[in-house]
Amino acid sequence: MVAVTPGANFSNGMPRFRRNSPRELPRVPTFRLRRLEVDDHELASDLLSHQGEMPSGDAITAGLAETANTWRSLAIAWHLILAAPLVAFLAGCRLSTRLIAVIAIALVLCVSALSWVSGNPFNGIVFGALAITLARATVRSPGAAAQIESLGRALPGAALVVFGWTYPHFVSTDSWTEYAYAAPLGLIPCPTLSVVVGLTMLVHATWTSAWTLPLIVVAFAYGIVGLFALHVALDVVLVAGALVLAAVTMRESGRFPSASHLWRVSHREGEAP
């Protein structure tokens, strides 16, 4: 590197040069200058650079958007993977409940892996632990042929599956039709939890409390965080789904009587002399 010496003498119209020594090289600032207009990629980079600190809500939201758009091809693949057994199941094919459980666990595990990649170790730990818990519950429960649940459970379950399937947030798109196949299913927490909770309510299987209770807790917690901390109003659907699954689980365990049971009891009491 050469530089013109201040006050250099010019002879014959040509300047006299000297070489800079290493100590005379200009120092480059080590901090990163941020533009006034910060995009999602920069906020996601901030999330990666502050892994030991609690990131802000904006940084978390930007990280989720970065994941949803960077891994869009993986989301499309998950839609195809989930569509195949669902179409076969609705067409009357006999599927094992273990197959449904394995797909649900794989979705949760994929969210954990992408959380680690995107620099969100908290989500990575939570979803990794949830995947392990659901896998243990699956191994310990007997397998059976999957069947559609009663209408009272199947309708909210189907609604949650559709909601998670078409989750219209975080994805940058020019057409709303892309949500039908490119929503961040299997990439980020809330749409994935919506589908898993929906499958749990839609498919009649030997779901034990070891499966439903951890799922309810995680789904409710992430729905609340998304609703109030990240200001994603759509996540109220996940909160409602977790509460419905909790009510169904309590009723089936005998801790929460059904409405029909309460009506029969009150009717008998009204007829008593």
Protein backbone atom coordinates (compact mmCIF):
# COMPACT_ATOMS: atom_id res chain seq x y z
CA MET A 1 0.00 0.00 0.00
CA VAL A 2 1.39 3.40 -1.00
CA ALA A 3 0.39 6.89 0.05
CA VAL A 4 1.41 10.40 -0.86
CA THR A 5 3.60 11.90 1.83
CA PRO A 6 2.07 15.08 3.27
CA GLY A 7 4.05 18.03 1.98
CA ALA A 8 5.72 15.82 -0.63
CA ASN A 9 8.14 17.40 -3.03
CA PHE A 10 7.20 17.25 -6.66
CA SER A 11 10.05 17.03 -9.07
CA ASN A 12 9.56 16.85 -12.80
CA GLY A 13 5.77 16.90 -12.18
CA MET A 14 5.87 13.55 -10.36
CA PRO A 15 5.17 13.14 -6.62
CA ARG A 16 7.60 11.32 -4.41
CA PHE A 17 5.94 8.36 -2.65
CA ARG A 18 6.76 6.49 0.52
CA ARG A 19 5.34 3.22 1.83
CA ASN A 20 3.19 3.15 4.96
CA SER A 21 4.55 1.14 7.81
CA PRO A 22 2.16 -1.36 9.48
CA ARG A 23 1.65 1.03 12.38
CA GLU A 24 0.50 3.78 10.06
CA LEU A 25 -2.35 1.75 8.56
CA PRO A 26 -5.75 3.24 9.40
CA ARG A 27 -7.68 1.37 12.05
CA VAL A 28 -11.10 0.03 11.12
CA PRO A 29 -13.74 0.34 13.87
CA THR A 30 -14.70 -3.03 15.29
CA PHE A 31 -18.31 -2.11 16.00
CA ARG A 32 -20.98 -2.56 13.34
CA LEU A 33 -22.78 0.53 12.15
CA ARG A 34 -26.54 0.04 11.88
CA ARG A 35 -28.63 1.80 9.26
CA LEU A 36 -31.70 3.71 10.22
CA GLU A 37 -33.81 1.27 8.21
CA VAL A 38 -33.09 -2.14 9.68
CA ASP A 39 -34.39 -5.18 7.87
CA ASP A 40 -35.24 -8.62 9.19
CA HIS A 41 -31.88 -10.04 8.20
CA GLU A 42 -30.00 -7.54 10.35
CA LEU A 43 -32.25 -8.14 13.34
CA ALA A 44 -31.77 -11.88 12.91
CA SER A 45 -28.01 -11.27 12.86
CA ASP A 46 -28.38 -9.37 16.13
CA LEU A 47 -30.15 -12.38 17.59
CA LEU A 48 -27.22 -14.58 16.59
CA SER A 49 -24.66 -12.16 18.01
CA HIS A 50 -26.41 -11.94 21.42
CA GLN A 51 -27.02 -15.60 22.14
CA GLY A 52 -26.08 -15.20 25.79
CA GLU A 53 -28.59 -12.41 26.34
CA MET A 54 -32.37 -12.21 26.33
CA PRO A 55 -33.23 -10.94 22.82
CA SER A 56 -35.86 -8.28 22.27
CA GLY A 57 -39.29 -9.04 20.87
CA ASP A 58 -38.34 -7.41 17.57
CA ALA A 59 -35.22 -9.56 17.32
CA ILE A 60 -37.21 -12.74 18.03
CA THR A 61 -39.84 -11.79 15.45
CA ALA A 62 -37.16 -11.03 12.88
CA GLY A 63 -35.47 -14.36 13.58
CA LEU A 64 -38.74 -16.20 13.04
CA ALA A 65 -39.32 -14.33 9.79
CA GLU A 66 -35.77 -15.12 8.67
CA THR A 67 -36.33 -18.82 9.37
CA ALA A 68 -39.74 -18.86 7.67
CA ASN A 69 -38.41 -17.33 4.46
CA THR A 70 -34.97 -18.95 4.33
CA TRP A 71 -36.33 -22.48 4.80
CA ARG A 72 -39.43 -22.11 2.65
CA SER A 73 -38.57 -25.18 0.56
CA LEU A 74 -38.50 -27.26 3.75
CA ALA A 75 -41.93 -25.91 4.70
CA ILE A 76 -43.27 -27.00 1.31
CA ALA A 77 -41.80 -30.45 1.87
CA TRP A 78 -43.52 -30.68 5.26
CA HIS A 79 -46.84 -29.79 3.65
CA LEU A 80 -46.39 -32.65 1.20
CA ILE A 81 -45.28 -35.08 3.92
CA LEU A 82 -48.29 -34.26 6.07
CA ALA A 83 -50.73 -34.20 3.15
CA ALA A 84 -50.03 -37.79 2.11
CA PRO A 85 -51.22 -39.55 5.31
CA LEU A 86 -54.05 -37.07 5.83
CA VAL A 87 -55.47 -37.71 2.37
CA ALA A 88 -55.05 -41.45 2.82
CA PHE A 89 -56.68 -41.28 6.26
CA LEU A 90 -59.68 -39.29 5.02
CA ALA A 91 -59.99 -41.65 2.04
CA GLY A 92 -60.53 -44.56 4.43
CA CYS A 93 -57.07 -46.13 4.51
CA ARG A 94 -56.11 -47.73 7.79
CA LEU A 95 -53.20 -45.88 9.29
CA SER A 96 -51.43 -46.58 12.55
CA THR A 97 -51.63 -44.04 15.34
CA ARG A 98 -47.88 -44.46 15.70
CA LEU A 99 -47.41 -43.08 12.17
CA ILE A 100 -49.39 -39.96 13.07
CA ALA A 101 -47.36 -39.62 16.28
CA VAL A 102 -44.04 -40.02 14.44
CA ILE A 103 -44.97 -37.26 11.98
CA ALA A 104 -45.98 -34.97 14.85
CA ILE A 105 -42.74 -35.67 16.71
CA ALA A 106 -40.69 -35.07 13.56
CA LEU A 107 -42.36 -31.67 13.12
CA VAL A 108 -41.47 -30.69 16.68
CA LEU A 109 -37.92 -31.97 16.30
CA CYS A 110 -37.46 -29.97 13.10
CA VAL A 111 -38.46 -26.77 14.92
CA SER A 112 -35.85 -27.58 17.56
CA ALA A 113 -33.11 -28.10 14.96
CA LEU A 114 -33.90 -24.89 13.08
CA SER A 115 -34.03 -22.97 16.36
CA TRP A 116 -30.46 -24.01 17.10
CA VAL A 117 -29.39 -23.09 13.57
CA SER A 118 -31.04 -19.66 13.78
CA GLY A 119 -29.45 -18.88 17.14
CA ASN A 120 -32.44 -19.39 19.43
CA PRO A 121 -31.24 -22.00 21.95
CA PHE A 122 -34.27 -21.54 24.20
CA ASN A 123 -36.67 -22.76 21.53
CA GLY A 124 -34.15 -25.44 20.61
CA ILE A 125 -34.11 -26.81 24.16
CA VAL A 126 -37.88 -26.57 24.70
CA PHE A 127 -38.84 -28.27 21.46
CA GLY A 128 -36.08 -30.84 21.77
CA ALA A 129 -37.36 -31.76 25.24
CA LEU A 130 -40.94 -31.83 23.96
CA ALA A 131 -39.97 -34.15 21.10
CA ILE A 132 -38.25 -36.53 23.52
CA THR A 133 -41.26 -36.47 25.88
CA LEU A 134 -43.71 -37.19 23.06
CA ALA A 135 -41.48 -39.97 21.75
CA ARG A 136 -41.41 -41.65 25.18
CA ALA A 137 -45.18 -41.38 25.41
CA THR A 138 -45.53 -42.95 21.96
CA VAL A 139 -43.26 -45.87 22.80
CA ARG A 140 -45.16 -46.60 26.01
CA SER A 141 -48.64 -46.41 24.47
CA PRO A 142 -50.13 -49.28 22.46
CA GLY A 143 -50.46 -48.76 18.73
CA ALA A 144 -53.87 -48.97 17.08
CA ALA A 145 -55.65 -48.09 13.87
CA ALA A 146 -56.25 -44.37 13.63
CA GLN A 147 -59.85 -43.20 13.52
CA ILE A 148 -61.54 -39.82 13.31
CA GLU A 149 -62.66 -38.54 16.69
CA SER A 150 -66.19 -37.57 17.64
CA LEU A 151 -67.55 -34.42 16.05
CA GLY A 152 -67.03 -32.33 19.17
CA ARG A 153 -63.29 -33.02 19.10
CA ALA A 154 -62.81 -33.42 15.36
CA LEU A 155 -64.11 -29.97 14.39
CA PRO A 156 -61.76 -27.88 16.56
CA GLY A 157 -58.96 -30.32 15.75
CA ALA A 158 -59.48 -29.89 12.01
CA ALA A 159 -59.67 -26.11 12.45
CA LEU A 160 -56.30 -26.09 14.24
CA VAL A 161 -54.70 -28.23 11.54
CA VAL A 162 -55.96 -25.87 8.83
CA PHE A 163 -54.81 -22.86 10.84
CA GLY A 164 -51.29 -24.21 11.27
CA TRP A 165 -51.22 -25.42 7.67
CA THR A 166 -51.97 -21.91 6.33
CA TYR A 167 -50.43 -19.80 9.13
CA PRO A 168 -50.39 -16.36 7.48
CA HIS A 169 -47.55 -14.71 9.34
CA PHE A 170 -43.79 -14.22 8.94
CA VAL A 171 -43.81 -15.38 5.30
CA SER A 172 -43.04 -12.76 2.64
CA THR A 173 -45.26 -13.48 -0.33
CA ASP A 174 -46.97 -11.69 -3.20
CA SER A 175 -50.01 -13.95 -3.21
CA TRP A 176 -52.11 -15.27 -0.35
CA THR A 177 -52.35 -18.64 -2.13
CA GLU A 178 -48.74 -19.37 -1.19
CA TYR A 179 -49.80 -19.74 2.44
CA ALA A 180 -51.55 -22.97 1.43
CA TYR A 181 -48.23 -24.68 0.74
CA ALA A 182 -45.45 -22.44 2.09
CA ALA A 183 -46.66 -21.45 5.57
CA PRO A 184 -43.87 -22.06 8.14
CA LEU A 185 -45.15 -25.47 9.25
CA GLY A 186 -42.34 -27.44 10.87
CA LEU A 187 -40.13 -24.33 10.92
CA ILE A 188 -41.34 -22.13 13.78
CA PRO A 189 -43.25 -22.88 17.00
CA CYS A 190 -46.84 -21.64 16.74
CA PRO A 191 -48.01 -23.14 13.42
CA THR A 192 -46.28 -26.40 14.27
CA LEU A 193 -47.89 -26.61 17.71
CA SER A 194 -51.28 -25.79 16.18
CA VAL A 195 -51.00 -28.75 13.81
CA VAL A 196 -49.79 -31.15 16.52
CA VAL A 197 -52.58 -30.10 18.91
CA GLY A 198 -55.06 -30.36 16.03
CA LEU A 199 -53.93 -33.88 15.13
CA THR A 200 -54.22 -34.89 18.77
CA MET A 201 -57.85 -33.76 18.79
CA LEU A 202 -58.72 -34.94 15.29
CA VAL A 203 -57.36 -38.49 15.42
CA HIS A 204 -58.85 -40.96 17.88
CA ALA A 205 -55.86 -42.68 19.40
CA THR A 206 -54.54 -43.87 22.72
CA TRP A 207 -53.17 -40.45 23.64
CA THR A 208 -52.08 -40.61 27.25
CA SER A 209 -51.58 -37.76 29.68
CA ALA A 210 -47.84 -38.18 29.07
CA TRP A 211 -48.57 -36.94 25.52
CA THR A 212 -51.33 -34.39 26.06
CA LEU A 213 -50.17 -32.57 29.21
CA PRO A 214 -46.70 -31.45 27.98
CA LEU A 215 -48.27 -30.50 24.66
CA ILE A 216 -50.94 -28.39 26.38
CA VAL A 217 -48.38 -26.58 28.54
CA VAL A 218 -46.01 -25.75 25.67
CA ALA A 219 -48.82 -24.77 23.27
CA PHE A 220 -50.48 -22.50 25.82
CA ALA A 221 -47.18 -20.86 26.83
CA TYR A 222 -46.10 -20.16 23.26
CA GLY A 223 -49.55 -18.90 22.36
CA ILE A 224 -49.44 -16.43 25.25
CA VAL A 225 -45.91 -15.29 24.36
CA GLY A 226 -46.84 -14.83 20.72
CA LEU A 227 -50.00 -12.95 21.63
CA PHE A 228 -48.68 -10.56 24.27
CA ALA A 229 -44.89 -10.43 23.85
CA LEU A 230 -44.57 -10.66 20.07
CA HIS A 231 -47.94 -9.03 19.36
CA VAL A 232 -49.04 -11.73 16.92
CA ALA A 233 -52.82 -11.59 17.29
CA LEU A 234 -53.25 -14.81 15.32
CA ASP A 235 -51.75 -16.82 18.17
CA VAL A 236 -55.00 -16.46 20.12
CA VAL A 237 -56.11 -19.47 18.07
CA LEU A 238 -53.29 -21.55 19.56
CA VAL A 239 -54.22 -20.41 23.08
CA ALA A 240 -57.84 -21.41 22.47
CA GLY A 241 -56.76 -24.77 21.04
CA ALA A 242 -54.61 -25.53 24.07
CA LEU A 243 -57.50 -24.68 26.41
CA VAL A 244 -59.92 -26.87 24.44
CA LEU A 245 -57.49 -29.79 24.53
CA ALA A 246 -57.03 -29.24 28.27
CA ALA A 247 -60.81 -29.28 28.82
CA VAL A 248 -61.20 -32.45 26.74
CA THR A 249 -58.34 -34.15 28.57
CA MET A 250 -59.78 -33.28 31.98
CA ARG A 251 -63.24 -34.46 30.96
CA GLU A 252 -61.95 -37.79 29.68
CA SER A 253 -59.94 -38.31 32.83
CA GLY A 254 -63.07 -37.76 34.90
CA ARG A 255 -61.88 -34.53 36.49
CA PHE A 256 -64.10 -32.28 34.40
CA PRO A 257 -67.68 -33.43 33.69
CA SER A 258 -69.13 -32.95 30.25
CA ALA A 259 -72.06 -30.62 29.60
CA SER A 260 -74.33 -33.56 28.79
CA HIS A 261 -73.42 -35.22 32.08
CA LEU A 262 -74.18 -32.03 34.01
CA TRP A 263 -77.52 -31.72 32.21
CA ARG A 264 -78.48 -35.32 33.05
CA VAL A 265 -77.54 -34.82 36.70
CA SER A 266 -79.54 -31.61 36.99
CA HIS A 267 -82.48 -33.20 35.18
CA ARG A 268 -82.54 -36.15 37.59
CA GLU A 269 -82.34 -33.81 40.55
CA GLY A 270 -85.27 -31.81 39.18
CA GLU A 271 -87.38 -34.95 38.93
CA ALA A 272 -86.54 -36.13 42.43
CA PRO A 273 -89.45 -35.73 44.94
